[in-house]
Amino acid sequence: MKKVLFLSTALICSFAALASAQTNGGFIGNSENISITTVNQIENLPDESYVTMQGNITSQVGHEKYMFADSTGTIKIEIDDDDWNGLTVGPEDKIQIQGEVDKSWTKPTKIEVDSIQIIPSK
């Protein structure tokens, strides 16, 4: 009985470790091959489209809500506190975000951000 309990506990811990490792980041591929979406292209995309955008966060407009700008315009984005992963970003930092287009009949379109990273200066 003790062996079964021990093996069950070990198995649960292994799955928990595996799940944790999968949510902490990893390889995203060659960033040169990623298609970048601009703010002005968002209105032509369907709801729940997955996009990658590059630009700057210009201001915070609410809890977990920010204004994002690129050379074509601005859009509201939502970044959950746990999606920052310890990253600190200022308006001068060029960033890349990946997330989902969120269209609503009653509110302006926004982007629900899944990941954010600073683009290093060249």
N, C-alpha and C. Protein backbone atom coordinates (compact mmCIF):
# COMPACT_ATOMS: atom_id res chain seq x y z
N MET A 1 0.83 -1.19 0.00
CA MET A 1 0.00 0.00 0.00
C MET A 1 0.87 1.26 0.00
N LYS A 2 1.97 1.23 0.78
CA LYS A 2 2.86 2.38 0.84
C LYS A 2 3.51 2.64 -0.52
N LYS A 3 3.83 1.56 -1.24
CA LYS A 3 4.45 1.71 -2.56
C LYS A 3 3.48 2.37 -3.54
N VAL A 4 2.21 2.00 -3.50
CA VAL A 4 1.20 2.59 -4.38
C VAL A 4 1.04 4.07 -4.06
N LEU A 5 0.99 4.40 -2.79
CA LEU A 5 0.85 5.80 -2.38
C LEU A 5 2.07 6.60 -2.81
N PHE A 6 3.25 6.04 -2.62
CA PHE A 6 4.48 6.72 -3.03
C PHE A 6 4.51 6.94 -4.54
N LEU A 7 4.20 5.91 -5.31
CA LEU A 7 4.21 6.03 -6.77
C LEU A 7 3.16 7.03 -7.25
N SER A 8 2.00 7.02 -6.63
CA SER A 8 0.95 7.98 -7.00
C SER A 8 1.41 9.41 -6.74
N THR A 9 2.02 9.64 -5.60
CA THR A 9 2.52 10.97 -5.26
C THR A 9 3.62 11.40 -6.23
N ALA A 10 4.53 10.49 -6.53
CA ALA A 10 5.62 10.80 -7.47
C ALA A 10 5.07 11.14 -8.85
N LEU A 11 4.07 10.41 -9.29
CA LEU A 11 3.45 10.65 -10.59
C LEU A 11 2.78 12.01 -10.64
N ILE A 12 2.04 12.35 -9.60
CA ILE A 12 1.37 13.67 -9.54
C ILE A 12 2.39 14.78 -9.55
N CYS A 13 3.47 14.62 -8.79
CA CYS A 13 4.52 15.65 -8.77
C CYS A 13 5.18 15.80 -10.14
N SER A 14 5.38 14.69 -10.83
CA SER A 14 5.98 14.74 -12.17
C SER A 14 5.09 15.50 -13.14
N PHE A 15 3.79 15.24 -13.10
CA PHE A 15 2.87 15.97 -13.98
C PHE A 15 2.82 17.44 -13.63
N ALA A 16 2.86 17.77 -12.35
CA ALA A 16 2.84 19.17 -11.92
C ALA A 16 4.09 19.88 -12.40
N ALA A 17 5.24 19.24 -12.31
CA ALA A 17 6.49 19.83 -12.79
C ALA A 17 6.46 20.03 -14.29
N LEU A 18 5.92 19.06 -15.01
CA LEU A 18 5.82 19.17 -16.46
C LEU A 18 4.90 20.31 -16.86
N ALA A 19 3.77 20.45 -16.22
CA ALA A 19 2.82 21.53 -16.51
C ALA A 19 3.44 22.88 -16.20
N SER A 20 4.17 22.97 -15.11
CA SER A 20 4.84 24.21 -14.75
C SER A 20 5.90 24.59 -15.78
N ALA A 21 6.65 23.64 -16.24
CA ALA A 21 7.69 23.90 -17.23
C ALA A 21 7.09 24.38 -18.55
N GLN A 22 5.92 23.89 -18.90
CA GLN A 22 5.30 24.27 -20.16
C GLN A 22 4.75 25.69 -20.11
N THR A 23 4.45 26.26 -18.95
CA THR A 23 3.86 27.59 -18.88
C THR A 23 4.88 28.67 -18.60
N ASN A 24 6.16 28.32 -18.44
CA ASN A 24 7.16 29.31 -18.10
C ASN A 24 7.96 29.79 -19.30
N GLY A 25 7.50 29.54 -20.50
CA GLY A 25 8.19 30.03 -21.68
C GLY A 25 8.90 28.92 -22.41
N GLY A 26 9.59 29.30 -23.45
CA GLY A 26 10.32 28.32 -24.22
C GLY A 26 10.67 28.86 -25.58
N PHE A 27 11.00 28.01 -26.46
CA PHE A 27 11.42 28.37 -27.81
C PHE A 27 10.24 28.89 -28.62
N ILE A 28 10.39 30.07 -29.25
CA ILE A 28 9.31 30.61 -30.08
C ILE A 28 9.66 30.60 -31.56
N GLY A 29 10.85 30.14 -31.89
CA GLY A 29 11.20 30.06 -33.30
C GLY A 29 11.96 31.28 -33.77
N ASN A 30 12.15 31.36 -35.05
CA ASN A 30 12.88 32.46 -35.66
C ASN A 30 11.96 33.67 -35.77
N SER A 31 12.25 34.72 -35.00
CA SER A 31 11.38 35.89 -34.98
C SER A 31 11.36 36.64 -36.31
N GLU A 32 12.31 36.38 -37.17
CA GLU A 32 12.32 37.03 -38.48
C GLU A 32 11.21 36.50 -39.38
N ASN A 33 10.67 35.32 -39.09
CA ASN A 33 9.62 34.73 -39.91
C ASN A 33 8.22 35.01 -39.37
N ILE A 34 8.11 35.76 -38.29
CA ILE A 34 6.82 36.06 -37.70
C ILE A 34 6.17 37.21 -38.48
N SER A 35 4.91 37.04 -38.82
CA SER A 35 4.17 38.08 -39.52
C SER A 35 3.70 39.12 -38.50
N ILE A 36 4.10 40.36 -38.69
CA ILE A 36 3.75 41.44 -37.77
C ILE A 36 2.46 42.11 -38.26
N THR A 37 1.51 42.25 -37.35
CA THR A 37 0.25 42.93 -37.63
C THR A 37 0.34 44.36 -37.11
N THR A 38 -0.14 45.32 -37.88
CA THR A 38 -0.15 46.72 -37.43
C THR A 38 -1.51 47.06 -36.84
N VAL A 39 -1.54 48.15 -36.10
CA VAL A 39 -2.79 48.58 -35.47
C VAL A 39 -3.88 48.81 -36.51
N ASN A 40 -3.54 49.43 -37.64
CA ASN A 40 -4.59 49.71 -38.63
C ASN A 40 -5.11 48.45 -39.33
N GLN A 41 -4.41 47.33 -39.23
CA GLN A 41 -4.89 46.08 -39.81
C GLN A 41 -5.88 45.35 -38.90
N ILE A 42 -5.92 45.70 -37.63
CA ILE A 42 -6.75 44.99 -36.65
C ILE A 42 -8.23 45.04 -37.01
N GLU A 43 -8.74 46.17 -37.45
CA GLU A 43 -10.17 46.30 -37.74
C GLU A 43 -10.63 45.35 -38.85
N ASN A 44 -9.72 44.93 -39.71
CA ASN A 44 -10.07 44.01 -40.81
C ASN A 44 -9.96 42.54 -40.43
N LEU A 45 -9.53 42.27 -39.21
CA LEU A 45 -9.38 40.88 -38.75
C LEU A 45 -10.61 40.43 -37.98
N PRO A 46 -10.93 39.16 -38.05
CA PRO A 46 -12.06 38.65 -37.27
C PRO A 46 -11.73 38.56 -35.77
N ASP A 47 -12.78 38.54 -34.97
CA ASP A 47 -12.65 38.35 -33.54
C ASP A 47 -11.87 37.07 -33.26
N GLU A 48 -11.05 37.09 -32.25
CA GLU A 48 -10.24 35.96 -31.79
C GLU A 48 -9.07 35.62 -32.72
N SER A 49 -8.75 36.51 -33.67
CA SER A 49 -7.55 36.30 -34.49
C SER A 49 -6.32 36.44 -33.59
N TYR A 50 -5.31 35.61 -33.83
CA TYR A 50 -4.08 35.69 -33.05
C TYR A 50 -3.10 36.56 -33.81
N VAL A 51 -2.53 37.57 -33.14
CA VAL A 51 -1.66 38.53 -33.80
C VAL A 51 -0.35 38.71 -33.05
N THR A 52 0.66 39.15 -33.78
CA THR A 52 1.93 39.58 -33.22
C THR A 52 2.12 41.03 -33.65
N MET A 53 2.40 41.90 -32.68
CA MET A 53 2.52 43.33 -32.96
C MET A 53 3.81 43.87 -32.35
N GLN A 54 4.35 44.93 -32.95
CA GLN A 54 5.53 45.59 -32.41
C GLN A 54 5.26 47.08 -32.30
N GLY A 55 5.67 47.64 -31.17
CA GLY A 55 5.47 49.06 -30.93
C GLY A 55 5.83 49.40 -29.50
N ASN A 56 5.07 50.35 -28.91
CA ASN A 56 5.35 50.82 -27.56
C ASN A 56 4.07 50.91 -26.76
N ILE A 57 4.18 50.68 -25.46
CA ILE A 57 3.07 50.98 -24.56
C ILE A 57 3.23 52.44 -24.18
N THR A 58 2.23 53.25 -24.49
CA THR A 58 2.35 54.68 -24.27
C THR A 58 1.79 55.13 -22.93
N SER A 59 0.82 54.38 -22.39
CA SER A 59 0.24 54.77 -21.11
C SER A 59 -0.57 53.63 -20.52
N GLN A 60 -0.80 53.72 -19.22
CA GLN A 60 -1.70 52.80 -18.54
C GLN A 60 -3.04 53.51 -18.37
N VAL A 61 -4.13 52.84 -18.75
CA VAL A 61 -5.46 53.47 -18.72
C VAL A 61 -6.42 52.78 -17.76
N GLY A 62 -5.93 51.82 -17.01
CA GLY A 62 -6.74 51.10 -16.05
C GLY A 62 -5.96 49.92 -15.52
N HIS A 63 -6.59 49.16 -14.62
CA HIS A 63 -5.93 47.97 -14.09
C HIS A 63 -5.78 46.94 -15.21
N GLU A 64 -4.54 46.61 -15.53
CA GLU A 64 -4.18 45.65 -16.58
C GLU A 64 -4.55 46.14 -17.98
N LYS A 65 -4.82 47.43 -18.14
CA LYS A 65 -5.19 47.99 -19.44
C LYS A 65 -4.21 49.11 -19.81
N TYR A 66 -3.76 49.06 -21.07
CA TYR A 66 -2.73 49.98 -21.54
C TYR A 66 -3.05 50.42 -22.96
N MET A 67 -2.45 51.53 -23.38
CA MET A 67 -2.53 51.96 -24.77
C MET A 67 -1.23 51.55 -25.46
N PHE A 68 -1.38 50.91 -26.60
CA PHE A 68 -0.26 50.42 -27.40
C PHE A 68 -0.25 51.21 -28.70
N ALA A 69 0.93 51.62 -29.14
CA ALA A 69 1.04 52.40 -30.38
C ALA A 69 2.12 51.82 -31.27
N ASP A 70 1.83 51.84 -32.57
CA ASP A 70 2.86 51.58 -33.57
C ASP A 70 2.80 52.74 -34.55
N SER A 71 3.48 52.64 -35.67
CA SER A 71 3.53 53.76 -36.61
C SER A 71 2.19 54.02 -37.31
N THR A 72 1.21 53.09 -37.15
CA THR A 72 -0.07 53.24 -37.86
C THR A 72 -1.23 53.66 -36.96
N GLY A 73 -1.03 53.67 -35.64
CA GLY A 73 -2.12 54.07 -34.75
C GLY A 73 -1.97 53.53 -33.35
N THR A 74 -3.06 53.62 -32.58
CA THR A 74 -3.06 53.14 -31.20
C THR A 74 -4.26 52.22 -30.97
N ILE A 75 -4.11 51.33 -29.98
CA ILE A 75 -5.17 50.41 -29.61
C ILE A 75 -5.02 50.06 -28.14
N LYS A 76 -6.13 49.79 -27.49
CA LYS A 76 -6.07 49.35 -26.09
C LYS A 76 -5.67 47.89 -26.05
N ILE A 77 -4.79 47.57 -25.10
CA ILE A 77 -4.38 46.19 -24.87
C ILE A 77 -4.61 45.84 -23.41
N GLU A 78 -4.80 44.56 -23.16
CA GLU A 78 -4.97 44.08 -21.79
C GLU A 78 -3.89 43.05 -21.50
N ILE A 79 -3.09 43.32 -20.46
CA ILE A 79 -2.02 42.41 -20.06
C ILE A 79 -2.29 42.00 -18.62
N ASP A 80 -2.63 40.73 -18.43
CA ASP A 80 -2.85 40.23 -17.08
C ASP A 80 -1.55 40.33 -16.28
N ASP A 81 -1.68 40.61 -14.99
CA ASP A 81 -0.50 40.78 -14.14
C ASP A 81 0.47 39.61 -14.25
N ASP A 82 -0.04 38.39 -14.34
CA ASP A 82 0.84 37.22 -14.40
C ASP A 82 1.49 37.02 -15.76
N ASP A 83 1.10 37.77 -16.78
CA ASP A 83 1.71 37.64 -18.10
C ASP A 83 2.97 38.51 -18.27
N TRP A 84 3.24 39.38 -17.30
CA TRP A 84 4.43 40.23 -17.37
C TRP A 84 5.70 39.42 -17.12
N ASN A 85 5.62 38.34 -16.34
CA ASN A 85 6.77 37.49 -16.04
C ASN A 85 7.99 38.28 -15.55
N GLY A 86 7.76 39.30 -14.72
CA GLY A 86 8.84 40.08 -14.13
C GLY A 86 9.41 41.15 -15.04
N LEU A 87 8.87 41.33 -16.22
CA LEU A 87 9.36 42.32 -17.17
C LEU A 87 8.89 43.72 -16.77
N THR A 88 9.78 44.71 -16.87
CA THR A 88 9.44 46.11 -16.63
C THR A 88 9.63 46.86 -17.94
N VAL A 89 8.60 47.57 -18.37
CA VAL A 89 8.61 48.25 -19.67
C VAL A 89 8.21 49.70 -19.49
N GLY A 90 8.91 50.58 -20.18
CA GLY A 90 8.57 52.00 -20.20
C GLY A 90 8.14 52.43 -21.59
N PRO A 91 7.62 53.64 -21.74
CA PRO A 91 7.15 54.11 -23.06
C PRO A 91 8.24 54.14 -24.13
N GLU A 92 9.51 54.23 -23.70
CA GLU A 92 10.62 54.28 -24.65
C GLU A 92 11.04 52.90 -25.14
N ASP A 93 10.55 51.84 -24.50
CA ASP A 93 10.94 50.48 -24.87
C ASP A 93 10.08 49.96 -26.02
N LYS A 94 10.74 49.51 -27.09
CA LYS A 94 10.03 48.87 -28.18
C LYS A 94 9.77 47.43 -27.77
N ILE A 95 8.53 47.00 -27.91
CA ILE A 95 8.14 45.67 -27.46
C ILE A 95 7.47 44.89 -28.58
N GLN A 96 7.40 43.60 -28.37
CA GLN A 96 6.61 42.72 -29.24
C GLN A 96 5.59 42.03 -28.35
N ILE A 97 4.34 42.10 -28.76
CA ILE A 97 3.28 41.42 -28.03
C ILE A 97 2.63 40.39 -28.93
N GLN A 98 2.12 39.35 -28.32
CA GLN A 98 1.34 38.35 -29.03
C GLN A 98 0.05 38.18 -28.26
N GLY A 99 -1.05 38.14 -28.97
CA GLY A 99 -2.32 38.00 -28.29
C GLY A 99 -3.48 37.85 -29.25
N GLU A 100 -4.66 37.98 -28.70
CA GLU A 100 -5.89 37.71 -29.43
C GLU A 100 -6.72 38.98 -29.59
N VAL A 101 -7.25 39.17 -30.79
CA VAL A 101 -8.14 40.31 -31.06
C VAL A 101 -9.45 40.06 -30.33
N ASP A 102 -9.91 41.08 -29.60
CA ASP A 102 -11.17 40.98 -28.86
C ASP A 102 -12.11 42.07 -29.37
N LYS A 103 -13.05 41.67 -30.21
CA LYS A 103 -14.03 42.61 -30.76
C LYS A 103 -15.34 42.50 -29.99
N SER A 104 -16.00 43.62 -29.83
CA SER A 104 -17.25 43.67 -29.08
C SER A 104 -18.21 44.60 -29.82
N TRP A 105 -19.51 44.33 -29.66
CA TRP A 105 -20.50 45.20 -30.27
C TRP A 105 -20.61 46.52 -29.53
N THR A 106 -20.27 46.53 -28.26
CA THR A 106 -20.50 47.72 -27.43
C THR A 106 -19.23 48.44 -27.01
N LYS A 107 -18.05 47.83 -27.20
CA LYS A 107 -16.79 48.44 -26.77
C LYS A 107 -15.81 48.45 -27.92
N PRO A 108 -14.82 49.35 -27.87
CA PRO A 108 -13.79 49.36 -28.91
C PRO A 108 -12.98 48.06 -28.91
N THR A 109 -12.46 47.71 -30.06
CA THR A 109 -11.62 46.53 -30.21
C THR A 109 -10.37 46.67 -29.35
N LYS A 110 -9.94 45.57 -28.74
CA LYS A 110 -8.70 45.56 -27.96
C LYS A 110 -7.95 44.26 -28.22
N ILE A 111 -6.75 44.19 -27.71
CA ILE A 111 -5.93 42.99 -27.82
C ILE A 111 -5.73 42.42 -26.42
N GLU A 112 -6.04 41.14 -26.25
CA GLU A 112 -5.77 40.43 -25.00
C GLU A 112 -4.40 39.78 -25.15
N VAL A 113 -3.41 40.35 -24.47
CA VAL A 113 -2.02 39.94 -24.65
C VAL A 113 -1.73 38.65 -23.88
N ASP A 114 -1.07 37.72 -24.57
CA ASP A 114 -0.62 36.46 -23.97
C ASP A 114 0.85 36.51 -23.61
N SER A 115 1.65 37.22 -24.43
CA SER A 115 3.09 37.32 -24.15
C SER A 115 3.60 38.68 -24.57
N ILE A 116 4.63 39.10 -23.86
CA ILE A 116 5.25 40.39 -24.12
C ILE A 116 6.76 40.23 -23.97
N GLN A 117 7.50 40.88 -24.84
CA GLN A 117 8.96 40.87 -24.72
C GLN A 117 9.51 42.17 -25.27
N ILE A 118 10.64 42.59 -24.71
CA ILE A 118 11.32 43.79 -25.19
C ILE A 118 12.14 43.42 -26.42
N ILE A 119 12.08 44.27 -27.44
CA ILE A 119 12.88 44.07 -28.64
C ILE A 119 14.22 44.77 -28.41
N PRO A 120 15.32 44.03 -28.41
CA PRO A 120 16.63 44.64 -28.15
C PRO A 120 17.00 45.65 -29.23
N SER A 121 17.67 46.73 -28.82
CA SER A 121 18.16 47.72 -29.78
C SER A 121 19.28 47.11 -30.59
N LYS A 122 19.34 47.49 -31.86
CA LYS A 122 20.39 46.94 -32.74
C LYS A 122 21.54 47.89 -32.84
